[in-house]
Amino acid sequence: MKKKTFARKNELLEAALDEFTLKNYENASLNTIIKNAGISKGTFYYHFQDKESLYLFLLETANKAKWKFINNHRKEIPRGQKANDIFEEFKIQAQIGMEFASSFPQYHRLSMMFVRERGNKIYNNAKSKLNFSTQSMMGEVVKKARENGELNPRFSEDFTMKVLTHLLMNFDDIFHEEEDFHLNMMVENLNNYVEFMKNGLGK
């Protein structure tokens, strides 16, 4: 998306969110989104290349909103309840992530619809884009954890960062059944998932 904003940007994103949470990517109609946003096609194509660029931007927006929510809530955790290591930090982030899903149900539904795109080109394209930003953030987290002696030193920093990034980014490749999307089940699966990572990588 071009940096220059426009008057009905929020309306466009809301219309896109409505369409992409009701239909899969292939069946989602760009014409419907543009019509419901109350903008012209010219305005849309000035800011976005096509439907895919809008979809990827929306996923990225949701992802950034989630991390902002997580970081803000982490700051509110009392000192005595803060994580003791990187794995406890993952669990705290997962719990806050569930709170985010409850607070922003449309973003949660978008993520559920996105998981159902598994095997499609759009899924791989989006994973690649989101993975890049996650890997960048993970690098700093892993570096700090290694300095604190929380990770097994026999694995290199680069190896550990790539493995953890892959595991976190591909959680939904394992847990994608209908019951896995219930918040309580998601918390349980995430806690078990983190325990698995700790037992495999923890010192």
C-alpha atoms as a PDB file:
ATOM      1  CA  MET A   1       0.000   0.000   0.000  1.00  0.00           C
ATOM      2  CA  LYS A   2       1.250   3.505  -0.781  1.00  0.00           C
ATOM      3  CA  LYS A   3       2.142   5.622   2.241  1.00  0.00           C
ATOM      4  CA  LYS A   4      -0.270   8.385   1.232  1.00  0.00           C
ATOM      5  CA  THR A   5      -3.516   7.912   3.103  1.00  0.00           C
ATOM      6  CA  PHE A   6      -7.032   8.671   1.903  1.00  0.00           C
ATOM      7  CA  ALA A   7     -10.343   9.707   3.437  1.00  0.00           C
ATOM      8  CA  ARG A   8     -12.073   6.319   3.477  1.00  0.00           C
ATOM      9  CA  LYS A   9      -9.133   4.095   4.321  1.00  0.00           C
ATOM     10  CA  ASN A  10     -10.788   2.789   7.500  1.00  0.00           C
ATOM     11  CA  GLU A  11     -14.007   2.080   5.623  1.00  0.00           C
ATOM     12  CA  LEU A  12     -12.047   0.097   3.041  1.00  0.00           C
ATOM     13  CA  LEU A  13     -10.273  -1.987   5.659  1.00  0.00           C
ATOM     14  CA  GLU A  14     -13.522  -2.637   7.529  1.00  0.00           C
ATOM     15  CA  ALA A  15     -15.272  -3.691   4.314  1.00  0.00           C
ATOM     16  CA  ALA A  16     -12.337  -5.947   3.447  1.00  0.00           C
ATOM     17  CA  LEU A  17     -12.381  -7.481   6.924  1.00  0.00           C
ATOM     18  CA  ASP A  18     -16.101  -8.214   6.604  1.00  0.00           C
ATOM     19  CA  GLU A  19     -15.660  -9.857   3.204  1.00  0.00           C
ATOM     20  CA  PHE A  20     -12.578 -11.910   4.054  1.00  0.00           C
ATOM     21  CA  THR A  21     -14.089 -13.232   7.287  1.00  0.00           C
ATOM     22  CA  LEU A  22     -17.263 -14.386   5.523  1.00  0.00           C
ATOM     23  CA  LYS A  23     -15.685 -15.957   2.432  1.00  0.00           C
ATOM     24  CA  ASN A  24     -12.456 -17.671   1.537  1.00  0.00           C
ATOM     25  CA  TYR A  25      -9.895 -15.675  -0.429  1.00  0.00           C
ATOM     26  CA  GLU A  26     -10.905 -17.060  -3.830  1.00  0.00           C
ATOM     27  CA  ASN A  27     -14.597 -16.277  -3.370  1.00  0.00           C
ATOM     28  CA  ALA A  28     -14.131 -12.899  -1.701  1.00  0.00           C
ATOM     29  CA  SER A  29     -15.227 -10.159  -4.091  1.00  0.00           C
ATOM     30  CA  LEU A  30     -13.062  -7.088  -4.550  1.00  0.00           C
ATOM     31  CA  ASN A  31     -16.007  -5.320  -6.222  1.00  0.00           C
ATOM     32  CA  THR A  32     -18.126  -5.944  -3.110  1.00  0.00           C
ATOM     33  CA  ILE A  33     -15.382  -4.566  -0.881  1.00  0.00           C
ATOM     34  CA  ILE A  34     -14.997  -1.422  -2.989  1.00  0.00           C
ATOM     35  CA  LYS A  35     -18.762  -0.898  -3.132  1.00  0.00           C
ATOM     36  CA  ASN A  36     -19.247  -1.359   0.620  1.00  0.00           C
ATOM     37  CA  ALA A  37     -16.313   0.946   1.349  1.00  0.00           C
ATOM     38  CA  GLY A  38     -17.911   3.680  -0.750  1.00  0.00           C
ATOM     39  CA  ILE A  39     -14.828   4.368  -2.838  1.00  0.00           C
ATOM     40  CA  SER A  40     -14.127   4.308  -6.558  1.00  0.00           C
ATOM     41  CA  LYS A  41     -12.039   1.636  -8.274  1.00  0.00           C
ATOM     42  CA  GLY A  42      -9.593   4.362  -9.228  1.00  0.00           C
ATOM     43  CA  THR A  43      -9.056   5.249  -5.582  1.00  0.00           C
ATOM     44  CA  PHE A  44      -8.563   1.612  -4.685  1.00  0.00           C
ATOM     45  CA  TYR A  45      -6.024   0.928  -7.431  1.00  0.00           C
ATOM     46  CA  TYR A  46      -4.133   4.085  -6.560  1.00  0.00           C
ATOM     47  CA  HIS A  47      -3.388   2.627  -3.138  1.00  0.00           C
ATOM     48  CA  PHE A  48      -3.427  -1.135  -3.756  1.00  0.00           C
ATOM     49  CA  GLN A  49      -2.225  -3.223  -6.675  1.00  0.00           C
ATOM     50  CA  ASP A  50      -4.937  -5.873  -6.458  1.00  0.00           C
ATOM     51  CA  LYS A  51      -7.030  -8.031  -4.119  1.00  0.00           C
ATOM     52  CA  GLU A  52      -3.994  -9.967  -2.943  1.00  0.00           C
ATOM     53  CA  SER A  53      -2.112  -6.845  -1.857  1.00  0.00           C
ATOM     54  CA  LEU A  54      -5.198  -5.744   0.115  1.00  0.00           C
ATOM     55  CA  TYR A  55      -5.509  -9.172   1.745  1.00  0.00           C
ATOM     56  CA  LEU A  56      -1.837  -9.280   2.701  1.00  0.00           C
ATOM     57  CA  PHE A  57      -2.020  -5.740   4.068  1.00  0.00           C
ATOM     58  CA  LEU A  58      -5.042  -6.697   6.169  1.00  0.00           C
ATOM     59  CA  LEU A  59      -3.277  -9.770   7.578  1.00  0.00           C
ATOM     60  CA  GLU A  60      -0.222  -7.675   8.359  1.00  0.00           C
ATOM     61  CA  THR A  61      -2.406  -5.018  10.026  1.00  0.00           C
ATOM     62  CA  ALA A  62      -4.067  -7.680  12.177  1.00  0.00           C
ATOM     63  CA  ASN A  63      -0.688  -9.156  13.086  1.00  0.00           C
ATOM     64  CA  LYS A  64       0.712  -5.745  14.089  1.00  0.00           C
ATOM     65  CA  ALA A  65      -2.417  -5.003  16.123  1.00  0.00           C
ATOM     66  CA  LYS A  66      -1.997  -8.313  17.944  1.00  0.00           C
ATOM     67  CA  TRP A  67       1.657  -7.659  18.818  1.00  0.00           C
ATOM     68  CA  LYS A  68       0.828  -4.120  19.968  1.00  0.00           C
ATOM     69  CA  PHE A  69      -1.905  -5.558  22.192  1.00  0.00           C
ATOM     70  CA  ILE A  70       0.499  -8.175  23.588  1.00  0.00           C
ATOM     71  CA  ASN A  71       3.294  -5.692  24.265  1.00  0.00           C
ATOM     72  CA  ASN A  72       0.963  -3.205  25.964  1.00  0.00           C
ATOM     73  CA  HIS A  73      -0.478  -5.914  28.223  1.00  0.00           C
ATOM     74  CA  ARG A  74       2.967  -7.290  29.062  1.00  0.00           C
ATOM     75  CA  LYS A  75       3.893  -3.889  30.488  1.00  0.00           C
ATOM     76  CA  GLU A  76       0.947  -4.143  32.885  1.00  0.00           C
ATOM     77  CA  ILE A  77       2.069  -7.458  34.397  1.00  0.00           C
ATOM     78  CA  PRO A  78       3.278  -7.008  38.023  1.00  0.00           C
ATOM     79  CA  ARG A  79       7.024  -7.534  38.491  1.00  0.00           C
ATOM     80  CA  GLY A  80       6.500 -10.681  40.588  1.00  0.00           C
ATOM     81  CA  GLN A  81       4.411 -12.317  37.857  1.00  0.00           C
ATOM     82  CA  LYS A  82       6.774 -11.702  34.957  1.00  0.00           C
ATOM     83  CA  ALA A  83       8.242 -14.633  33.029  1.00  0.00           C
ATOM     84  CA  ASN A  84      11.336 -16.390  34.342  1.00  0.00           C
ATOM     85  CA  ASP A  85      12.551 -17.492  30.929  1.00  0.00           C
ATOM     86  CA  ILE A  86      11.799 -17.318  27.204  1.00  0.00           C
ATOM     87  CA  PHE A  87       9.353 -20.225  27.380  1.00  0.00           C
ATOM     88  CA  GLU A  88       7.294 -18.721  30.181  1.00  0.00           C
ATOM     89  CA  GLU A  89       7.291 -15.544  28.089  1.00  0.00           C
ATOM     90  CA  PHE A  90       5.807 -17.500  25.175  1.00  0.00           C
ATOM     91  CA  LYS A  91       3.049 -18.794  27.464  1.00  0.00           C
ATOM     92  CA  ILE A  92       2.242 -15.296  28.704  1.00  0.00           C
ATOM     93  CA  GLN A  93       2.129 -14.010  25.138  1.00  0.00           C
ATOM     94  CA  ALA A  94      -0.133 -16.912  24.159  1.00  0.00           C
ATOM     95  CA  GLN A  95      -2.535 -16.114  26.996  1.00  0.00           C
ATOM     96  CA  ILE A  96      -2.611 -12.439  26.051  1.00  0.00           C
ATOM     97  CA  GLY A  97      -3.099 -13.536  22.436  1.00  0.00           C
ATOM     98  CA  MET A  98      -6.252 -15.348  23.509  1.00  0.00           C
ATOM     99  CA  GLU A  99      -7.446 -12.162  25.217  1.00  0.00           C
ATOM    100  CA  PHE A 100      -6.769 -10.346  21.959  1.00  0.00           C
ATOM    101  CA  ALA A 101      -8.958 -12.875  20.117  1.00  0.00           C
ATOM    102  CA  SER A 102     -11.800 -12.161  22.554  1.00  0.00           C
ATOM    103  CA  SER A 103     -11.335  -8.389  22.302  1.00  0.00           C
ATOM    104  CA  PHE A 104     -11.005  -8.346  18.508  1.00  0.00           C
ATOM    105  CA  PRO A 105     -13.223 -11.179  17.237  1.00  0.00           C
ATOM    106  CA  GLN A 106     -13.045 -10.009  13.618  1.00  0.00           C
ATOM    107  CA  TYR A 107      -9.273 -10.387  13.587  1.00  0.00           C
ATOM    108  CA  HIS A 108      -9.694 -13.807  15.206  1.00  0.00           C
ATOM    109  CA  ARG A 109     -12.161 -14.845  12.507  1.00  0.00           C
ATOM    110  CA  LEU A 110      -9.763 -13.567   9.855  1.00  0.00           C
ATOM    111  CA  SER A 111      -7.034 -15.809  11.257  1.00  0.00           C
ATOM    112  CA  MET A 112      -9.412 -18.784  11.238  1.00  0.00           C
ATOM    113  CA  MET A 113     -10.318 -18.147   7.618  1.00  0.00           C
ATOM    114  CA  PHE A 114      -6.644 -17.751   6.791  1.00  0.00           C
ATOM    115  CA  VAL A 115      -5.835 -21.188   8.245  1.00  0.00           C
ATOM    116  CA  ARG A 116      -8.410 -22.694   5.902  1.00  0.00           C
ATOM    117  CA  GLU A 117      -6.338 -21.382   2.982  1.00  0.00           C
ATOM    118  CA  ARG A 118      -3.662 -23.968   3.754  1.00  0.00           C
ATOM    119  CA  GLY A 119      -2.315 -25.458   0.537  1.00  0.00           C
ATOM    120  CA  ASN A 120      -3.261 -22.427  -1.537  1.00  0.00           C
ATOM    121  CA  LYS A 121      -0.812 -19.971  -3.083  1.00  0.00           C
ATOM    122  CA  ILE A 122      -2.175 -17.059  -1.062  1.00  0.00           C
ATOM    123  CA  TYR A 123      -1.460 -18.945   2.168  1.00  0.00           C
ATOM    124  CA  ASN A 124       2.183 -19.479   1.253  1.00  0.00           C
ATOM    125  CA  ASN A 125       2.599 -15.872   0.093  1.00  0.00           C
ATOM    126  CA  ALA A 126       1.157 -14.531   3.335  1.00  0.00           C
ATOM    127  CA  LYS A 127       3.197 -16.914   5.482  1.00  0.00           C
ATOM    128  CA  SER A 128       6.354 -15.762   3.744  1.00  0.00           C
ATOM    129  CA  LYS A 129       5.566 -12.101   4.375  1.00  0.00           C
ATOM    130  CA  LEU A 130       4.532 -12.520   8.000  1.00  0.00           C
ATOM    131  CA  ASN A 131       7.392 -14.917   8.712  1.00  0.00           C
ATOM    132  CA  PHE A 132       9.937 -12.251   7.784  1.00  0.00           C
ATOM    133  CA  SER A 133       8.758  -9.808  10.455  1.00  0.00           C
ATOM    134  CA  THR A 134       8.383 -12.567  13.055  1.00  0.00           C
ATOM    135  CA  GLN A 135      11.899 -13.850  12.394  1.00  0.00           C
ATOM    136  CA  SER A 136      13.261 -10.345  12.861  1.00  0.00           C
ATOM    137  CA  MET A 137      11.579 -10.003  16.267  1.00  0.00           C
ATOM    138  CA  MET A 138      12.572 -13.538  17.286  1.00  0.00           C
ATOM    139  CA  GLY A 139      16.222 -12.769  16.664  1.00  0.00           C
ATOM    140  CA  GLU A 140      16.329 -10.243  19.510  1.00  0.00           C
ATOM    141  CA  VAL A 141      14.363 -12.523  21.849  1.00  0.00           C
ATOM    142  CA  VAL A 142      16.677 -15.485  21.230  1.00  0.00           C
ATOM    143  CA  LYS A 143      19.808 -13.369  21.622  1.00  0.00           C
ATOM    144  CA  LYS A 144      18.659 -12.142  25.038  1.00  0.00           C
ATOM    145  CA  ALA A 145      17.607 -15.657  26.129  1.00  0.00           C
ATOM    146  CA  ARG A 146      21.011 -17.063  25.174  1.00  0.00           C
ATOM    147  CA  GLU A 147      22.772 -14.312  27.126  1.00  0.00           C
ATOM    148  CA  ASN A 148      20.637 -15.247  30.162  1.00  0.00           C
ATOM    149  CA  GLY A 149      21.519 -18.937  29.809  1.00  0.00           C
ATOM    150  CA  GLU A 150      17.937 -20.006  29.032  1.00  0.00           C
ATOM    151  CA  LEU A 151      18.728 -21.916  25.826  1.00  0.00           C
ATOM    152  CA  ASN A 152      20.942 -24.891  25.126  1.00  0.00           C
ATOM    153  CA  PRO A 153      24.287 -23.470  23.936  1.00  0.00           C
ATOM    154  CA  ARG A 154      25.065 -26.437  21.698  1.00  0.00           C
ATOM    155  CA  PHE A 155      22.597 -24.997  19.168  1.00  0.00           C
ATOM    156  CA  SER A 156      23.689 -21.844  17.351  1.00  0.00           C
ATOM    157  CA  GLU A 157      21.748 -18.617  17.746  1.00  0.00           C
ATOM    158  CA  ASP A 158      20.732 -18.668  14.079  1.00  0.00           C
ATOM    159  CA  PHE A 159      19.548 -22.290  14.232  1.00  0.00           C
ATOM    160  CA  THR A 160      17.533 -21.702  17.405  1.00  0.00           C
ATOM    161  CA  MET A 161      15.951 -18.534  16.034  1.00  0.00           C
ATOM    162  CA  LYS A 162      14.903 -20.250  12.786  1.00  0.00           C
ATOM    163  CA  VAL A 163      13.485 -23.313  14.557  1.00  0.00           C
ATOM    164  CA  LEU A 164      11.485 -21.257  17.079  1.00  0.00           C
ATOM    165  CA  THR A 165      10.197 -18.964  14.339  1.00  0.00           C
ATOM    166  CA  HIS A 166       9.095 -21.947  12.278  1.00  0.00           C
ATOM    167  CA  LEU A 167       7.342 -23.588  15.224  1.00  0.00           C
ATOM    168  CA  LEU A 168       5.482 -20.428  16.189  1.00  0.00           C
ATOM    169  CA  MET A 169       4.539 -19.506  12.625  1.00  0.00           C
ATOM    170  CA  ASN A 170       3.297 -23.006  11.791  1.00  0.00           C
ATOM    171  CA  PHE A 171       1.267 -23.735  14.917  1.00  0.00           C
ATOM    172  CA  ASP A 172      -1.924 -23.688  12.842  1.00  0.00           C
ATOM    173  CA  ASP A 173      -0.545 -26.335  10.476  1.00  0.00           C
ATOM    174  CA  ILE A 174      -0.870 -28.795  13.362  1.00  0.00           C
ATOM    175  CA  PHE A 175      -3.910 -27.483  15.214  1.00  0.00           C
ATOM    176  CA  HIS A 176      -6.471 -26.673  12.559  1.00  0.00           C
ATOM    177  CA  GLU A 177      -9.502 -28.808  13.433  1.00  0.00           C
ATOM    178  CA  GLU A 178     -12.750 -27.054  14.313  1.00  0.00           C
ATOM    179  CA  GLU A 179     -12.396 -27.763  18.049  1.00  0.00           C
ATOM    180  CA  ASP A 180      -8.874 -26.308  18.036  1.00  0.00           C
ATOM    181  CA  PHE A 181     -10.332 -22.841  17.486  1.00  0.00           C
ATOM    182  CA  HIS A 182     -12.188 -22.773  20.812  1.00  0.00           C
ATOM    183  CA  LEU A 183     -10.275 -20.388  23.064  1.00  0.00           C
ATOM    184  CA  ASN A 184      -9.862 -22.845  25.945  1.00  0.00           C
ATOM    185  CA  MET A 185      -8.486 -25.505  23.597  1.00  0.00           C
ATOM    186  CA  MET A 186      -6.181 -22.982  21.965  1.00  0.00           C
ATOM    187  CA  VAL A 187      -4.709 -22.071  25.361  1.00  0.00           C
ATOM    188  CA  GLU A 188      -4.193 -25.727  26.239  1.00  0.00           C
ATOM    189  CA  ASN A 189      -2.591 -26.526  22.887  1.00  0.00           C
ATOM    190  CA  LEU A 190      -0.328 -23.490  23.078  1.00  0.00           C
ATOM    191  CA  ASN A 191       0.825 -24.334  26.608  1.00  0.00           C
ATOM    192  CA  ASN A 192       1.625 -27.902  25.537  1.00  0.00           C
ATOM    193  CA  TYR A 193       3.344 -26.589  22.432  1.00  0.00           C
ATOM    194  CA  VAL A 194       5.597 -24.343  24.517  1.00  0.00           C
ATOM    195  CA  GLU A 195       6.398 -27.215  26.878  1.00  0.00           C
ATOM    196  CA  PHE A 196       7.462 -29.215  23.834  1.00  0.00           C
ATOM    197  CA  MET A 197       9.750 -26.402  22.681  1.00  0.00           C
ATOM    198  CA  LYS A 198      11.262 -26.049  26.133  1.00  0.00           C
ATOM    199  CA  ASN A 199      11.999 -29.735  26.543  1.00  0.00           C
ATOM    200  CA  GLY A 200      13.610 -29.799  23.132  1.00  0.00           C
ATOM    201  CA  LEU A 201      15.543 -26.542  23.360  1.00  0.00           C
ATOM    202  CA  GLY A 202      15.680 -25.556  27.019  1.00  0.00           C
ATOM    203  CA  LYS A 203      18.897 -25.843  28.939  1.00  0.00           C
END
